[in-house]
Amino acid sequence: MLHPTKVLRNSPVYAGSLYPPPGKCILGDGGYPCLSAPICLITPYREPVQNPVQARFNSKHSRARSIVERAFGMMKARWRSLYFKALEVSPVFVPEVVACCSVLHKLNLFNGDIVEPVEEDHDDGPPQPHNLEPRGGEHVRNNLAAAVSTPIICVPALHEHDYL
């Protein structure tokens, strides 16, 4: 199995410059570099975090990533032989295999058939640097961290009797 950074670097998204639209980003785990360019890839703050804003961001980041990881884990558990047999033949089939498995998985979930994900732990070493000129995404991550940590101010609703 390949390290996620190598998969990203060789993916059509990265290699073909099919990056998320402005204002959108990809969430990655701590194995990736935090980047704003050439692709907006936001990673959690390294532990130990420096303040509550970073801790809250890491918590929100983790929850968002876990939803996606759980979905892929369930699909891999359900379609293990299809995933790995098709991908061993040719990486060209990856988009079609993932799309087909996603549709079939969604149909099964819709009909109440739930499969628990299989936990896997792979550590293929540190990520390798990109051959494009990456720019750090710390400022993007800091802005997102500030946004998710801003308290929501509740303004009491005005009622008709408030006007009298």
Protein backbone atom coordinates (compact mmCIF):
# COMPACT_ATOMS: atom_id res chain seq x y z
CA MET A 1 0.00 0.00 0.00
CA LEU A 2 1.29 3.47 -0.90
CA HIS A 3 1.79 6.33 1.51
CA PRO A 4 -1.07 8.87 1.18
CA THR A 5 1.33 11.65 0.16
CA LYS A 6 2.59 9.57 -2.76
CA VAL A 7 -1.01 8.80 -3.77
CA LEU A 8 -1.85 12.52 -3.65
CA ARG A 9 1.24 13.54 -5.61
CA ASN A 10 0.38 11.04 -8.37
CA SER A 11 -3.37 11.65 -8.33
CA PRO A 12 -5.20 13.41 -11.17
CA VAL A 13 -6.25 16.04 -8.64
CA TYR A 14 -2.66 17.00 -7.88
CA ALA A 15 -0.82 16.08 -11.06
CA GLY A 16 -3.58 17.43 -13.29
CA SER A 17 -4.08 20.61 -11.28
CA LEU A 18 -7.75 19.75 -10.64
CA TYR A 19 -7.67 21.58 -7.36
CA PRO A 20 -10.66 22.53 -5.24
CA PRO A 21 -12.28 25.82 -6.20
CA PRO A 22 -11.16 28.95 -4.33
CA GLY A 23 -12.41 28.95 -0.77
CA LYS A 24 -12.51 25.14 -0.61
CA CYS A 25 -9.83 22.78 0.65
CA ILE A 26 -8.96 19.14 1.13
CA LEU A 27 -8.54 17.86 4.68
CA GLY A 28 -5.48 15.71 5.30
CA ASP A 29 -4.01 13.98 8.28
CA GLY A 30 -0.79 14.97 10.01
CA GLY A 31 1.27 12.94 7.53
CA TYR A 32 0.69 15.58 4.86
CA PRO A 33 2.17 19.06 4.73
CA CYS A 34 -0.26 21.91 5.36
CA LEU A 35 -0.46 23.70 1.99
CA SER A 36 -2.26 26.60 0.40
CA ALA A 37 -0.67 26.05 -3.03
CA PRO A 38 -0.49 24.39 -5.42
CA ILE A 39 -3.40 22.67 -3.67
CA CYS A 40 -5.24 23.79 -0.54
CA LEU A 41 -4.57 20.89 1.82
CA ILE A 42 -5.32 21.59 5.47
CA THR A 43 -3.90 19.39 8.21
CA PRO A 44 -4.36 19.48 11.98
CA TYR A 45 -2.01 21.39 14.26
CA ARG A 46 0.81 19.25 15.62
CA GLU A 47 0.47 18.08 19.20
CA PRO A 48 0.85 19.50 21.74
CA VAL A 49 -1.37 22.34 20.57
CA GLN A 50 -0.51 25.86 21.68
CA ASN A 51 -3.96 27.12 22.72
CA PRO A 52 -7.70 26.33 22.90
CA VAL A 53 -8.29 27.69 19.37
CA GLN A 54 -5.91 25.09 17.92
CA ALA A 55 -7.44 22.35 20.09
CA ARG A 56 -10.94 23.23 18.91
CA PHE A 57 -9.78 23.30 15.27
CA ASN A 58 -8.14 19.88 15.63
CA SER A 59 -11.35 18.51 17.13
CA LYS A 60 -13.50 19.86 14.27
CA HIS A 61 -10.93 18.72 11.69
CA SER A 62 -10.86 15.24 13.19
CA ARG A 63 -14.65 14.92 13.20
CA ALA A 64 -14.88 15.98 9.56
CA ARG A 65 -12.15 13.56 8.46
CA SER A 66 -13.56 10.69 10.49
CA ILE A 67 -16.85 10.84 8.58
CA VAL A 68 -15.03 10.39 5.27
CA GLU A 69 -12.64 7.77 6.64
CA ARG A 70 -15.52 5.78 8.11
CA ALA A 71 -17.33 5.77 4.76
CA PHE A 72 -14.21 4.52 2.96
CA GLY A 73 -13.62 1.96 5.72
CA MET A 74 -17.14 0.58 5.29
CA MET A 75 -16.75 0.47 1.51
CA LYS A 76 -13.40 -1.31 1.80
CA ALA A 77 -14.89 -3.83 4.22
CA ARG A 78 -17.90 -4.43 1.97
CA TRP A 79 -16.03 -4.52 -1.34
CA ARG A 80 -12.59 -5.69 -0.23
CA SER A 81 -12.07 -8.26 -2.99
CA LEU A 82 -13.41 -5.93 -5.68
CA TYR A 83 -11.31 -2.97 -4.47
CA PHE A 84 -8.05 -4.83 -4.34
CA LYS A 85 -8.44 -7.14 -7.35
CA ALA A 86 -9.44 -4.29 -9.68
CA LEU A 87 -6.73 -1.99 -8.37
CA GLU A 88 -4.05 -4.67 -8.76
CA VAL A 89 -4.83 -4.89 -12.48
CA SER A 90 -4.45 -1.20 -13.28
CA PRO A 91 -4.63 2.10 -11.40
CA VAL A 92 -6.62 3.42 -14.39
CA PHE A 93 -9.66 1.64 -12.94
CA VAL A 94 -9.49 3.48 -9.59
CA PRO A 95 -12.08 6.22 -10.33
CA GLU A 96 -14.57 3.74 -11.79
CA VAL A 97 -14.07 1.20 -8.99
CA VAL A 98 -14.53 3.85 -6.29
CA ALA A 99 -17.58 5.33 -8.04
CA CYS A 100 -19.23 1.93 -8.52
CA CYS A 101 -18.49 0.86 -4.95
CA SER A 102 -19.85 4.19 -3.69
CA VAL A 103 -23.14 3.78 -5.56
CA LEU A 104 -23.58 0.16 -4.47
CA HIS A 105 -22.57 1.04 -0.91
CA LYS A 106 -25.13 3.87 -0.78
CA LEU A 107 -27.86 1.54 -2.07
CA ASN A 108 -27.00 -1.01 0.61
CA LEU A 109 -27.06 1.64 3.35
CA PHE A 110 -30.38 2.95 2.04
CA ASN A 111 -31.76 -0.58 2.44
CA GLY A 112 -30.46 -0.90 6.02
CA ASP A 113 -27.39 -3.05 5.35
CA ILE A 114 -24.59 -1.58 7.49
CA VAL A 115 -21.01 -2.85 7.53
CA GLU A 116 -18.55 -1.71 10.17
CA PRO A 117 -15.21 -0.42 8.85
CA VAL A 118 -12.04 -2.44 9.28
CA GLU A 119 -9.36 -0.52 11.16
CA GLU A 120 -6.03 -0.38 9.35
CA ASP A 121 -2.80 1.21 10.45
CA HIS A 122 -0.19 1.91 7.81
CA ASP A 123 2.93 3.94 8.34
CA ASP A 124 5.06 4.00 5.24
CA GLY A 125 7.41 6.66 6.51
CA PRO A 126 7.44 10.43 6.27
CA PRO A 127 5.93 12.20 3.27
CA GLN A 128 8.22 13.08 0.40
CA PRO A 129 8.41 16.68 -0.81
CA HIS A 130 6.44 17.73 -3.89
CA ASN A 131 8.17 18.52 -7.13
CA LEU A 132 5.97 21.61 -7.55
CA GLU A 133 6.66 24.68 -5.45
CA PRO A 134 4.36 24.26 -2.46
CA ARG A 135 3.33 27.15 -0.26
CA GLY A 136 2.57 26.60 3.39
CA GLY A 137 -1.08 26.61 4.34
CA GLU A 138 -0.64 27.63 7.95
CA HIS A 139 -2.35 30.98 7.35
CA VAL A 140 -5.39 29.21 5.86
CA ARG A 141 -5.49 26.79 8.79
CA ASN A 142 -5.16 29.68 11.27
CA ASN A 143 -8.08 31.51 9.62
CA LEU A 144 -10.22 28.37 9.74
CA ALA A 145 -9.25 27.77 13.37
CA ALA A 146 -10.29 31.31 14.28
CA ALA A 147 -13.59 30.88 12.41
CA VAL A 148 -14.56 27.64 14.19
CA SER A 149 -13.58 29.10 17.56
CA THR A 150 -15.52 32.35 17.27
CA PRO A 151 -18.39 32.30 19.75
CA ILE A 152 -21.83 32.45 18.23
CA ILE A 153 -23.61 35.53 19.50
CA CYS A 154 -27.27 34.90 20.10
CA VAL A 155 -29.47 37.95 19.63
CA PRO A 156 -32.83 37.58 21.31
CA ALA A 157 -35.68 37.62 18.85
CA LEU A 158 -37.77 40.76 18.82
CA HIS A 159 -41.43 40.16 19.48
CA GLU A 160 -44.38 42.37 18.69
CA HIS A 161 -44.71 43.45 22.30
CA ASP A 162 -41.08 44.71 22.21
CA TYR A 163 -42.17 47.43 19.82
CA LEU A 164 -44.99 48.79 21.97
